[in-house]
Amino acid sequence: MIIMRNFKVSRGYIGEHLIGIATDENGEDWYESQKNFQADSLKIVFNRDGVIISMSQKVAELWPGENSVAEVAAVDVPDGIDINGGWVFDGEKIVPRTYSDAEWQERAEAQRQSLLNAANAATSDWRTELQLDIISDDDKAALTKWMVYIKALKEIDLSSVTDETGYNSIAWPDVPA
């Protein structure tokens, strides 16, 4: 199986056409190397941390960018693999990603921010109506429920989230009806 590491990208011209040129750490050209990959294998693109960021059975569908590429036999591809950040190439095989304590906290903070963004989008018109003193009593009551929800989101202590169990046990408040 093939592993091409640490691509560098430059630009060049073919005639009048600007193209991207990618060469790995051994100076191997990406386009020239594609013919060496097996047709029935999975080709993966992974970043410096080994995290799989792209994959295809068709090598021509991939662009390595500033990353690395590996070929994995179809029989060695785990079930459920995706490119959402949960899988890594360890130099020999594809394995589930192990997150650090800081990464679990970042995921929890990102989830909180996503919920806050959705809440702010849901309440933006009501906030304007409230400032203009044209909000109905029903909308004002709904806005109050949403503001209680937003406050509850902001008060959640995520400092103890250090693993998947902690992440999955976060007691997010219920979204207002």
N, C-alpha and C. Protein backbone atom coordinates (compact mmCIF):
# COMPACT_ATOMS: atom_id res chain seq x y z
N MET A 1 0.83 -1.18 0.00
CA MET A 1 0.00 0.00 0.00
C MET A 1 0.88 1.25 0.00
N ILE A 2 0.34 2.31 -0.50
CA ILE A 2 1.09 3.55 -0.69
C ILE A 2 0.78 4.54 0.43
N ILE A 3 1.80 5.22 0.91
CA ILE A 3 1.63 6.36 1.83
C ILE A 3 2.51 7.48 1.28
N MET A 4 1.88 8.61 1.02
CA MET A 4 2.60 9.81 0.56
C MET A 4 2.39 10.88 1.62
N ARG A 5 3.48 11.38 2.18
CA ARG A 5 3.38 12.27 3.34
C ARG A 5 3.77 13.72 3.02
N ASN A 6 3.12 14.59 3.78
CA ASN A 6 3.50 16.01 3.86
C ASN A 6 3.62 16.70 2.50
N PHE A 7 2.51 16.75 1.81
CA PHE A 7 2.50 17.41 0.51
C PHE A 7 2.75 18.90 0.65
N LYS A 8 3.44 19.44 -0.31
CA LYS A 8 3.62 20.88 -0.47
C LYS A 8 2.91 21.26 -1.76
N VAL A 9 2.25 22.38 -1.74
CA VAL A 9 1.48 22.82 -2.90
C VAL A 9 2.11 24.08 -3.48
N SER A 10 2.24 24.08 -4.79
CA SER A 10 2.70 25.27 -5.50
C SER A 10 1.80 25.46 -6.71
N ARG A 11 2.03 26.51 -7.43
CA ARG A 11 1.22 26.79 -8.61
C ARG A 11 2.12 26.80 -9.83
N GLY A 12 1.54 26.40 -10.93
CA GLY A 12 2.27 26.41 -12.18
C GLY A 12 1.30 26.59 -13.33
N TYR A 13 1.83 26.68 -14.50
CA TYR A 13 1.01 26.88 -15.69
C TYR A 13 1.21 25.73 -16.66
N ILE A 14 0.12 25.32 -17.26
CA ILE A 14 0.14 24.48 -18.45
C ILE A 14 -0.48 25.34 -19.53
N GLY A 15 0.35 25.81 -20.42
CA GLY A 15 -0.13 26.80 -21.39
C GLY A 15 -0.53 28.04 -20.63
N GLU A 16 -1.78 28.44 -20.81
CA GLU A 16 -2.30 29.62 -20.12
C GLU A 16 -3.09 29.27 -18.87
N HIS A 17 -3.15 27.99 -18.53
CA HIS A 17 -3.98 27.53 -17.42
C HIS A 17 -3.16 27.40 -16.14
N LEU A 18 -3.61 28.08 -15.10
CA LEU A 18 -2.99 27.99 -13.78
C LEU A 18 -3.43 26.69 -13.13
N ILE A 19 -2.48 25.91 -12.62
CA ILE A 19 -2.81 24.65 -11.97
C ILE A 19 -2.13 24.56 -10.62
N GLY A 20 -2.66 23.70 -9.76
CA GLY A 20 -2.03 23.40 -8.49
C GLY A 20 -1.09 22.22 -8.68
N ILE A 21 0.08 22.30 -8.10
CA ILE A 21 1.06 21.22 -8.18
C ILE A 21 1.34 20.77 -6.76
N ALA A 22 1.17 19.47 -6.51
CA ALA A 22 1.41 18.94 -5.17
C ALA A 22 2.52 17.89 -5.24
N THR A 23 3.51 18.05 -4.37
CA THR A 23 4.59 17.06 -4.27
C THR A 23 4.75 16.66 -2.81
N ASP A 24 5.01 15.37 -2.59
CA ASP A 24 5.16 14.90 -1.21
C ASP A 24 6.58 15.17 -0.71
N GLU A 25 6.87 14.74 0.51
CA GLU A 25 8.17 15.05 1.12
C GLU A 25 9.34 14.41 0.39
N ASN A 26 9.06 13.42 -0.47
CA ASN A 26 10.12 12.80 -1.28
C ASN A 26 10.20 13.39 -2.68
N GLY A 27 9.41 14.44 -2.92
CA GLY A 27 9.43 15.09 -4.23
C GLY A 27 8.56 14.41 -5.27
N GLU A 28 7.75 13.42 -4.85
CA GLU A 28 6.88 12.70 -5.78
C GLU A 28 5.68 13.58 -6.14
N ASP A 29 5.38 13.67 -7.44
CA ASP A 29 4.26 14.46 -7.93
C ASP A 29 2.94 13.72 -7.72
N TRP A 30 1.95 14.43 -7.21
CA TRP A 30 0.64 13.84 -6.93
C TRP A 30 0.00 13.25 -8.18
N TYR A 31 -0.03 14.01 -9.25
CA TYR A 31 -0.71 13.54 -10.45
C TYR A 31 0.01 12.35 -11.07
N GLU A 32 1.31 12.38 -11.10
CA GLU A 32 2.08 11.26 -11.65
C GLU A 32 1.93 10.01 -10.79
N SER A 33 1.78 10.18 -9.49
CA SER A 33 1.70 9.04 -8.56
C SER A 33 0.35 8.35 -8.56
N GLN A 34 -0.67 9.02 -9.04
CA GLN A 34 -2.02 8.44 -8.96
C GLN A 34 -2.12 7.10 -9.67
N LYS A 35 -1.35 6.88 -10.72
CA LYS A 35 -1.41 5.63 -11.47
C LYS A 35 -0.90 4.44 -10.65
N ASN A 36 -0.20 4.70 -9.54
CA ASN A 36 0.36 3.63 -8.72
C ASN A 36 -0.62 3.07 -7.68
N PHE A 37 -1.75 3.75 -7.49
CA PHE A 37 -2.73 3.30 -6.50
C PHE A 37 -3.58 2.18 -7.08
N GLN A 38 -4.00 1.25 -6.21
CA GLN A 38 -4.87 0.15 -6.62
C GLN A 38 -6.30 0.66 -6.82
N ALA A 39 -7.00 0.13 -7.80
CA ALA A 39 -8.36 0.59 -8.11
C ALA A 39 -9.35 0.23 -7.01
N ASP A 40 -9.15 -0.90 -6.32
CA ASP A 40 -10.15 -1.38 -5.36
C ASP A 40 -9.85 -0.98 -3.91
N SER A 41 -8.86 -0.13 -3.68
CA SER A 41 -8.52 0.29 -2.32
C SER A 41 -9.20 1.61 -1.98
N LEU A 42 -9.23 1.92 -0.69
CA LEU A 42 -9.71 3.23 -0.25
C LEU A 42 -8.50 4.14 -0.11
N LYS A 43 -8.60 5.33 -0.66
CA LYS A 43 -7.55 6.32 -0.52
C LYS A 43 -8.04 7.37 0.47
N ILE A 44 -7.20 7.69 1.43
CA ILE A 44 -7.58 8.66 2.47
C ILE A 44 -6.61 9.82 2.47
N VAL A 45 -7.13 11.01 2.76
CA VAL A 45 -6.30 12.19 2.99
C VAL A 45 -6.37 12.46 4.48
N PHE A 46 -5.20 12.62 5.11
CA PHE A 46 -5.16 12.88 6.54
C PHE A 46 -4.23 14.05 6.83
N ASN A 47 -4.56 14.79 7.89
CA ASN A 47 -3.78 15.98 8.24
C ASN A 47 -2.58 15.61 9.11
N ARG A 48 -1.86 16.62 9.59
CA ARG A 48 -0.64 16.39 10.37
C ARG A 48 -0.89 15.60 11.66
N ASP A 49 -2.12 15.67 12.17
CA ASP A 49 -2.47 14.93 13.38
C ASP A 49 -2.99 13.53 13.07
N GLY A 50 -3.02 13.17 11.78
CA GLY A 50 -3.51 11.86 11.37
C GLY A 50 -5.01 11.82 11.15
N VAL A 51 -5.71 12.91 11.40
CA VAL A 51 -7.17 12.95 11.28
C VAL A 51 -7.56 12.86 9.80
N ILE A 52 -8.43 11.92 9.50
CA ILE A 52 -8.88 11.72 8.12
C ILE A 52 -9.85 12.83 7.74
N ILE A 53 -9.52 13.54 6.66
CA ILE A 53 -10.32 14.69 6.26
C ILE A 53 -10.99 14.50 4.90
N SER A 54 -10.60 13.45 4.17
CA SER A 54 -11.22 13.17 2.88
C SER A 54 -10.91 11.73 2.53
N MET A 55 -11.78 11.14 1.71
CA MET A 55 -11.53 9.76 1.29
C MET A 55 -12.34 9.45 0.04
N SER A 56 -11.83 8.52 -0.73
CA SER A 56 -12.53 8.07 -1.94
C SER A 56 -11.84 6.80 -2.44
N GLN A 57 -12.60 5.99 -3.12
CA GLN A 57 -11.99 4.84 -3.79
C GLN A 57 -11.30 5.31 -5.06
N LYS A 58 -11.76 6.43 -5.60
CA LYS A 58 -11.18 6.98 -6.83
C LYS A 58 -10.15 8.04 -6.47
N VAL A 59 -8.89 7.73 -6.68
CA VAL A 59 -7.81 8.63 -6.29
C VAL A 59 -7.91 9.99 -6.99
N ALA A 60 -8.43 10.02 -8.19
CA ALA A 60 -8.54 11.27 -8.94
C ALA A 60 -9.54 12.24 -8.31
N GLU A 61 -10.36 11.78 -7.41
CA GLU A 61 -11.33 12.64 -6.74
C GLU A 61 -10.72 13.38 -5.55
N LEU A 62 -9.48 13.06 -5.20
CA LEU A 62 -8.86 13.63 -4.02
C LEU A 62 -7.84 14.70 -4.38
N TRP A 63 -7.64 15.62 -3.47
CA TRP A 63 -6.58 16.63 -3.57
C TRP A 63 -5.88 16.64 -2.21
N PRO A 64 -4.58 16.38 -2.18
CA PRO A 64 -3.91 16.27 -0.88
C PRO A 64 -3.67 17.60 -0.17
N GLY A 65 -3.64 18.69 -0.92
CA GLY A 65 -3.36 19.98 -0.28
C GLY A 65 -2.09 19.92 0.53
N GLU A 66 -2.09 20.43 1.73
CA GLU A 66 -0.92 20.42 2.62
C GLU A 66 -1.01 19.25 3.60
N ASN A 67 -1.49 18.11 3.11
CA ASN A 67 -1.75 16.94 3.95
C ASN A 67 -0.99 15.74 3.43
N SER A 68 -1.42 14.55 3.83
CA SER A 68 -0.81 13.30 3.41
C SER A 68 -1.90 12.38 2.88
N VAL A 69 -1.49 11.35 2.13
CA VAL A 69 -2.43 10.42 1.52
C VAL A 69 -1.95 9.00 1.80
N ALA A 70 -2.89 8.11 2.10
CA ALA A 70 -2.56 6.69 2.28
C ALA A 70 -3.59 5.86 1.55
N GLU A 71 -3.14 4.71 1.12
CA GLU A 71 -4.01 3.73 0.47
C GLU A 71 -4.26 2.61 1.48
N VAL A 72 -5.52 2.23 1.64
CA VAL A 72 -5.90 1.20 2.60
C VAL A 72 -6.70 0.13 1.86
N ALA A 73 -6.33 -1.13 2.05
CA ALA A 73 -7.06 -2.23 1.42
C ALA A 73 -8.51 -2.21 1.89
N ALA A 74 -9.41 -2.53 1.00
CA ALA A 74 -10.85 -2.50 1.32
C ALA A 74 -11.17 -3.35 2.55
N VAL A 75 -10.52 -4.48 2.72
CA VAL A 75 -10.81 -5.36 3.86
C VAL A 75 -10.35 -4.76 5.18
N ASP A 76 -9.47 -3.76 5.14
CA ASP A 76 -8.95 -3.13 6.36
C ASP A 76 -9.67 -1.83 6.72
N VAL A 77 -10.73 -1.50 5.99
CA VAL A 77 -11.48 -0.27 6.26
C VAL A 77 -12.55 -0.57 7.31
N PRO A 78 -12.50 0.12 8.46
CA PRO A 78 -13.49 -0.15 9.52
C PRO A 78 -14.89 0.33 9.13
N ASP A 79 -15.89 -0.35 9.66
CA ASP A 79 -17.28 0.06 9.45
C ASP A 79 -17.50 1.43 10.09
N GLY A 80 -18.30 2.24 9.45
CA GLY A 80 -18.69 3.53 10.02
C GLY A 80 -17.70 4.65 9.80
N ILE A 81 -16.63 4.40 9.07
CA ILE A 81 -15.64 5.46 8.85
C ILE A 81 -16.29 6.65 8.14
N ASP A 82 -15.90 7.84 8.54
CA ASP A 82 -16.38 9.06 7.90
C ASP A 82 -15.27 10.10 7.94
N ILE A 83 -15.55 11.28 7.44
CA ILE A 83 -14.55 12.35 7.43
C ILE A 83 -14.95 13.50 8.36
N ASN A 84 -15.64 13.16 9.44
CA ASN A 84 -16.12 14.17 10.38
C ASN A 84 -15.18 14.37 11.56
N GLY A 85 -13.96 13.87 11.48
CA GLY A 85 -12.98 14.11 12.53
C GLY A 85 -12.84 13.00 13.56
N GLY A 86 -13.61 11.94 13.44
CA GLY A 86 -13.58 10.88 14.44
C GLY A 86 -12.68 9.71 14.12
N TRP A 87 -11.95 9.79 13.00
CA TRP A 87 -11.08 8.69 12.59
C TRP A 87 -9.69 9.22 12.25
N VAL A 88 -8.66 8.43 12.56
CA VAL A 88 -7.29 8.80 12.25
C VAL A 88 -6.57 7.66 11.54
N PHE A 89 -5.54 8.04 10.81
CA PHE A 89 -4.62 7.07 10.23
C PHE A 89 -3.39 7.09 11.11
N ASP A 90 -3.05 5.96 11.72
CA ASP A 90 -1.96 5.92 12.69
C ASP A 90 -0.59 5.59 12.07
N GLY A 91 -0.54 5.61 10.75
CA GLY A 91 0.69 5.28 10.06
C GLY A 91 0.64 3.90 9.43
N GLU A 92 -0.31 3.08 9.91
CA GLU A 92 -0.48 1.73 9.38
C GLU A 92 -1.93 1.39 9.07
N LYS A 93 -2.83 1.90 9.91
CA LYS A 93 -4.25 1.54 9.76
C LYS A 93 -5.15 2.69 10.23
N ILE A 94 -6.43 2.54 9.92
CA ILE A 94 -7.45 3.52 10.33
C ILE A 94 -7.99 3.08 11.69
N VAL A 95 -7.99 4.01 12.65
CA VAL A 95 -8.47 3.71 14.00
C VAL A 95 -9.37 4.86 14.48
N PRO A 96 -10.26 4.58 15.43
CA PRO A 96 -11.05 5.68 16.00
C PRO A 96 -10.14 6.70 16.67
N ARG A 97 -10.53 7.94 16.57
CA ARG A 97 -9.74 9.03 17.15
C ARG A 97 -9.91 9.06 18.66
N THR A 98 -8.83 9.31 19.36
CA THR A 98 -8.86 9.53 20.80
C THR A 98 -8.70 11.03 21.03
N TYR A 99 -9.68 11.63 21.68
CA TYR A 99 -9.65 13.08 21.91
C TYR A 99 -8.96 13.40 23.23
N SER A 100 -8.26 14.52 23.27
CA SER A 100 -7.64 14.99 24.51
C SER A 100 -8.71 15.66 25.37
N ASP A 101 -8.37 15.89 26.64
CA ASP A 101 -9.28 16.60 27.55
C ASP A 101 -9.67 17.95 26.96
N ALA A 102 -8.68 18.66 26.43
CA ALA A 102 -8.94 20.00 25.87
C ALA A 102 -9.87 19.91 24.66
N GLU A 103 -9.71 18.87 23.84
CA GLU A 103 -10.59 18.72 22.67
C GLU A 103 -12.03 18.43 23.09
N TRP A 104 -12.21 17.64 24.16
CA TRP A 104 -13.58 17.39 24.64
C TRP A 104 -14.21 18.69 25.14
N GLN A 105 -13.42 19.51 25.82
CA GLN A 105 -13.95 20.79 26.28
C GLN A 105 -14.26 21.71 25.10
N GLU A 106 -13.40 21.70 24.08
CA GLU A 106 -13.66 22.50 22.88
C GLU A 106 -14.94 22.05 22.20
N ARG A 107 -15.18 20.75 22.14
CA ARG A 107 -16.41 20.23 21.53
C ARG A 107 -17.63 20.69 22.33
N ALA A 108 -17.51 20.63 23.66
CA ALA A 108 -18.62 21.07 24.51
C ALA A 108 -18.88 22.56 24.32
N GLU A 109 -17.82 23.36 24.29
CA GLU A 109 -17.98 24.80 24.08
C GLU A 109 -18.57 25.10 22.70
N ALA A 110 -18.15 24.34 21.70
CA ALA A 110 -18.69 24.53 20.35
C ALA A 110 -20.17 24.19 20.31
N GLN A 111 -20.57 23.14 21.03
CA GLN A 111 -21.99 22.78 21.09
C GLN A 111 -22.79 23.87 21.79
N ARG A 112 -22.24 24.40 22.88
CA ARG A 112 -22.93 25.49 23.59
C ARG A 112 -23.08 26.69 22.65
N GLN A 113 -22.02 27.04 21.94
CA GLN A 113 -22.07 28.20 21.04
C GLN A 113 -23.09 27.97 19.93
N SER A 114 -23.18 26.76 19.43
CA SER A 114 -24.17 26.44 18.41
C SER A 114 -25.59 26.64 18.94
N LEU A 115 -25.82 26.18 20.16
CA LEU A 115 -27.15 26.35 20.77
C LEU A 115 -27.44 27.83 21.03
N LEU A 116 -26.44 28.58 21.47
CA LEU A 116 -26.63 30.02 21.69
C LEU A 116 -26.91 30.75 20.38
N ASN A 117 -26.21 30.38 19.33
CA ASN A 117 -26.45 31.01 18.02
C ASN A 117 -27.87 30.75 17.55
N ALA A 118 -28.34 29.53 17.72
CA ALA A 118 -29.71 29.20 17.31
C ALA A 118 -30.72 29.98 18.15
N ALA A 119 -30.45 30.10 19.44
CA ALA A 119 -31.36 30.85 20.32
C ALA A 119 -31.37 32.33 19.95
N ASN A 120 -30.21 32.88 19.66
CA ASN A 120 -30.16 34.29 19.28
C ASN A 120 -30.87 34.54 17.95
N ALA A 121 -30.76 33.60 17.03
CA ALA A 121 -31.48 33.73 15.76
C ALA A 121 -32.99 33.67 15.99
N ALA A 122 -33.42 32.80 16.89
CA ALA A 122 -34.85 32.64 17.17
C ALA A 122 -35.44 33.87 17.85
N THR A 123 -34.63 34.62 18.57
CA THR A 123 -35.16 35.74 19.36
C THR A 123 -34.85 37.11 18.78
N SER A 124 -34.12 37.20 17.70
CA SER A 124 -33.66 38.51 17.22
C SER A 124 -34.82 39.44 16.85
N ASP A 125 -35.85 38.92 16.18
CA ASP A 125 -36.98 39.78 15.82
C ASP A 125 -37.72 40.27 17.07
N TRP A 126 -37.89 39.37 18.03
CA TRP A 126 -38.59 39.76 19.26
C TRP A 126 -37.80 40.83 20.02
N ARG A 127 -36.49 40.73 20.02
CA ARG A 127 -35.67 41.73 20.71
C ARG A 127 -35.85 43.11 20.07
N THR A 128 -35.90 43.14 18.75
CA THR A 128 -36.12 44.40 18.05
C THR A 128 -37.51 44.95 18.38
N GLU A 129 -38.51 44.07 18.34
CA GLU A 129 -39.88 44.49 18.67
C GLU A 129 -39.96 45.02 20.10
N LEU A 130 -39.22 44.37 21.02
CA LEU A 130 -39.21 44.82 22.41
C LEU A 130 -38.60 46.22 22.50
N GLN A 131 -37.49 46.46 21.80
CA GLN A 131 -36.85 47.78 21.82
C GLN A 131 -37.75 48.86 21.24
N LEU A 132 -38.54 48.49 20.24
CA LEU A 132 -39.45 49.45 19.60
C LEU A 132 -40.78 49.55 20.32
N ASP A 133 -40.94 48.74 21.37
CA ASP A 133 -42.16 48.70 22.16
C ASP A 133 -43.38 48.34 21.31
N ILE A 134 -43.17 47.38 20.40
CA ILE A 134 -44.28 46.91 19.56
C ILE A 134 -44.47 45.40 19.67
N ILE A 135 -43.91 44.81 20.71
CA ILE A 135 -43.99 43.36 20.88
C ILE A 135 -45.33 42.99 21.51
N SER A 136 -45.92 41.89 21.04
CA SER A 136 -47.17 41.43 21.63
C SER A 136 -46.87 40.74 22.96
N ASP A 137 -47.92 40.59 23.79
CA ASP A 137 -47.74 39.93 25.08
C ASP A 137 -47.30 38.48 24.91
N ASP A 138 -47.85 37.78 23.91
CA ASP A 138 -47.47 36.38 23.66
C ASP A 138 -46.00 36.28 23.26
N ASP A 139 -45.56 37.18 22.37
CA ASP A 139 -44.16 37.15 21.93
C ASP A 139 -43.22 37.55 23.07
N LYS A 140 -43.68 38.46 23.92
CA LYS A 140 -42.86 38.87 25.06
C LYS A 140 -42.69 37.69 26.03
N ALA A 141 -43.75 36.93 26.23
CA ALA A 141 -43.67 35.74 27.10
C ALA A 141 -42.73 34.70 26.49
N ALA A 142 -42.81 34.51 25.18
CA ALA A 142 -41.92 33.57 24.50
C ALA A 142 -40.47 34.03 24.60
N LEU A 143 -40.24 35.33 24.41
CA LEU A 143 -38.89 35.89 24.52
C LEU A 143 -38.34 35.66 25.93
N THR A 144 -39.15 35.82 26.92
CA THR A 144 -38.72 35.60 28.30
C THR A 144 -38.26 34.15 28.49
N LYS A 145 -39.02 33.20 27.96
CA LYS A 145 -38.64 31.78 28.05
C LYS A 145 -37.30 31.53 27.36
N TRP A 146 -37.13 32.14 26.20
CA TRP A 146 -35.88 31.97 25.47
C TRP A 146 -34.71 32.59 26.22
N MET A 147 -34.93 33.74 26.85
CA MET A 147 -33.85 34.39 27.59
C MET A 147 -33.46 33.56 28.82
N VAL A 148 -34.42 32.91 29.45
CA VAL A 148 -34.12 32.00 30.57
C VAL A 148 -33.28 30.83 30.04
N TYR A 149 -33.64 30.32 28.88
CA TYR A 149 -32.90 29.24 28.23
C TYR A 149 -31.45 29.68 27.93
N ILE A 150 -31.29 30.87 27.36
CA ILE A 150 -29.96 31.39 27.04
C ILE A 150 -29.13 31.53 28.31
N LYS A 151 -29.73 32.06 29.35
CA LYS A 151 -29.02 32.21 30.62
C LYS A 151 -28.59 30.85 31.16
N ALA A 152 -29.47 29.87 31.08
CA ALA A 152 -29.14 28.52 31.56
C ALA A 152 -27.98 27.91 30.75
N LEU A 153 -27.97 28.14 29.44
CA LEU A 153 -26.86 27.65 28.62
C LEU A 153 -25.54 28.26 29.07
N LYS A 154 -25.56 29.56 29.31
CA LYS A 154 -24.33 30.26 29.69
C LYS A 154 -23.83 29.84 31.07
N GLU A 155 -24.72 29.37 31.93
CA GLU A 155 -24.34 29.01 33.30
C GLU A 155 -23.80 27.58 33.43
N ILE A 156 -23.90 26.78 32.40
CA ILE A 156 -23.42 25.40 32.49
C ILE A 156 -21.90 25.39 32.63
N ASP A 157 -21.42 24.69 33.65
CA ASP A 157 -19.98 24.57 33.88
C ASP A 157 -19.47 23.38 33.06
N LEU A 158 -18.65 23.68 32.06
CA LEU A 158 -18.12 22.63 31.19
C LEU A 158 -16.68 22.25 31.54
N SER A 159 -16.16 22.79 32.62
CA SER A 159 -14.75 22.55 32.98
C SER A 159 -14.46 21.09 33.32
N SER A 160 -15.46 20.33 33.70
CA SER A 160 -15.22 18.93 34.06
C SER A 160 -15.39 17.98 32.88
N VAL A 161 -15.69 18.50 31.70
CA VAL A 161 -15.84 17.65 30.52
C VAL A 161 -14.45 17.31 30.00
N THR A 162 -14.04 16.05 30.19
CA THR A 162 -12.71 15.61 29.79
C THR A 162 -12.72 14.34 28.96
N ASP A 163 -13.92 13.78 28.72
CA ASP A 163 -14.00 12.55 27.93
C ASP A 163 -15.40 12.43 27.34
N GLU A 164 -15.61 11.36 26.59
CA GLU A 164 -16.89 11.16 25.91
C GLU A 164 -18.03 11.01 26.91
N THR A 165 -17.79 10.32 28.02
CA THR A 165 -18.82 10.15 29.03
C THR A 165 -19.25 11.49 29.59
N GLY A 166 -18.27 12.32 29.92
CA GLY A 166 -18.58 13.67 30.43
C GLY A 166 -19.31 14.50 29.41
N TYR A 167 -18.88 14.40 28.14
CA TYR A 167 -19.53 15.15 27.07
C TYR A 167 -20.99 14.71 26.92
N ASN A 168 -21.21 13.41 26.91
CA ASN A 168 -22.56 12.88 26.73
C ASN A 168 -23.46 13.11 27.94
N SER A 169 -22.86 13.41 29.10
CA SER A 169 -23.68 13.63 30.29
C SER A 169 -24.01 15.10 30.54
N ILE A 170 -23.61 15.98 29.65
CA ILE A 170 -23.96 17.39 29.80
C ILE A 170 -25.48 17.52 29.78
N ALA A 171 -26.01 18.17 30.79
CA ALA A 171 -27.46 18.35 30.90
C ALA A 171 -27.84 19.68 30.25
N TRP A 172 -27.98 19.65 28.92
CA TRP A 172 -28.37 20.86 28.20
C TRP A 172 -29.82 21.19 28.57
N PRO A 173 -30.14 22.45 28.75
CA PRO A 173 -31.55 22.80 29.05
C PRO A 173 -32.43 22.54 27.83
N ASP A 174 -33.71 22.32 28.11
CA ASP A 174 -34.67 22.06 27.03
C ASP A 174 -34.91 23.35 26.24
N VAL A 175 -34.97 23.21 24.92
CA VAL A 175 -35.26 24.34 24.04
C VAL A 175 -36.72 24.74 24.27
N PRO A 176 -37.00 26.03 24.42
CA PRO A 176 -38.39 26.46 24.62
C PRO A 176 -39.28 26.04 23.45
N ALA A 177 -40.50 25.73 23.77
CA ALA A 177 -41.46 25.31 22.74
C ALA A 177 -41.89 26.47 21.88
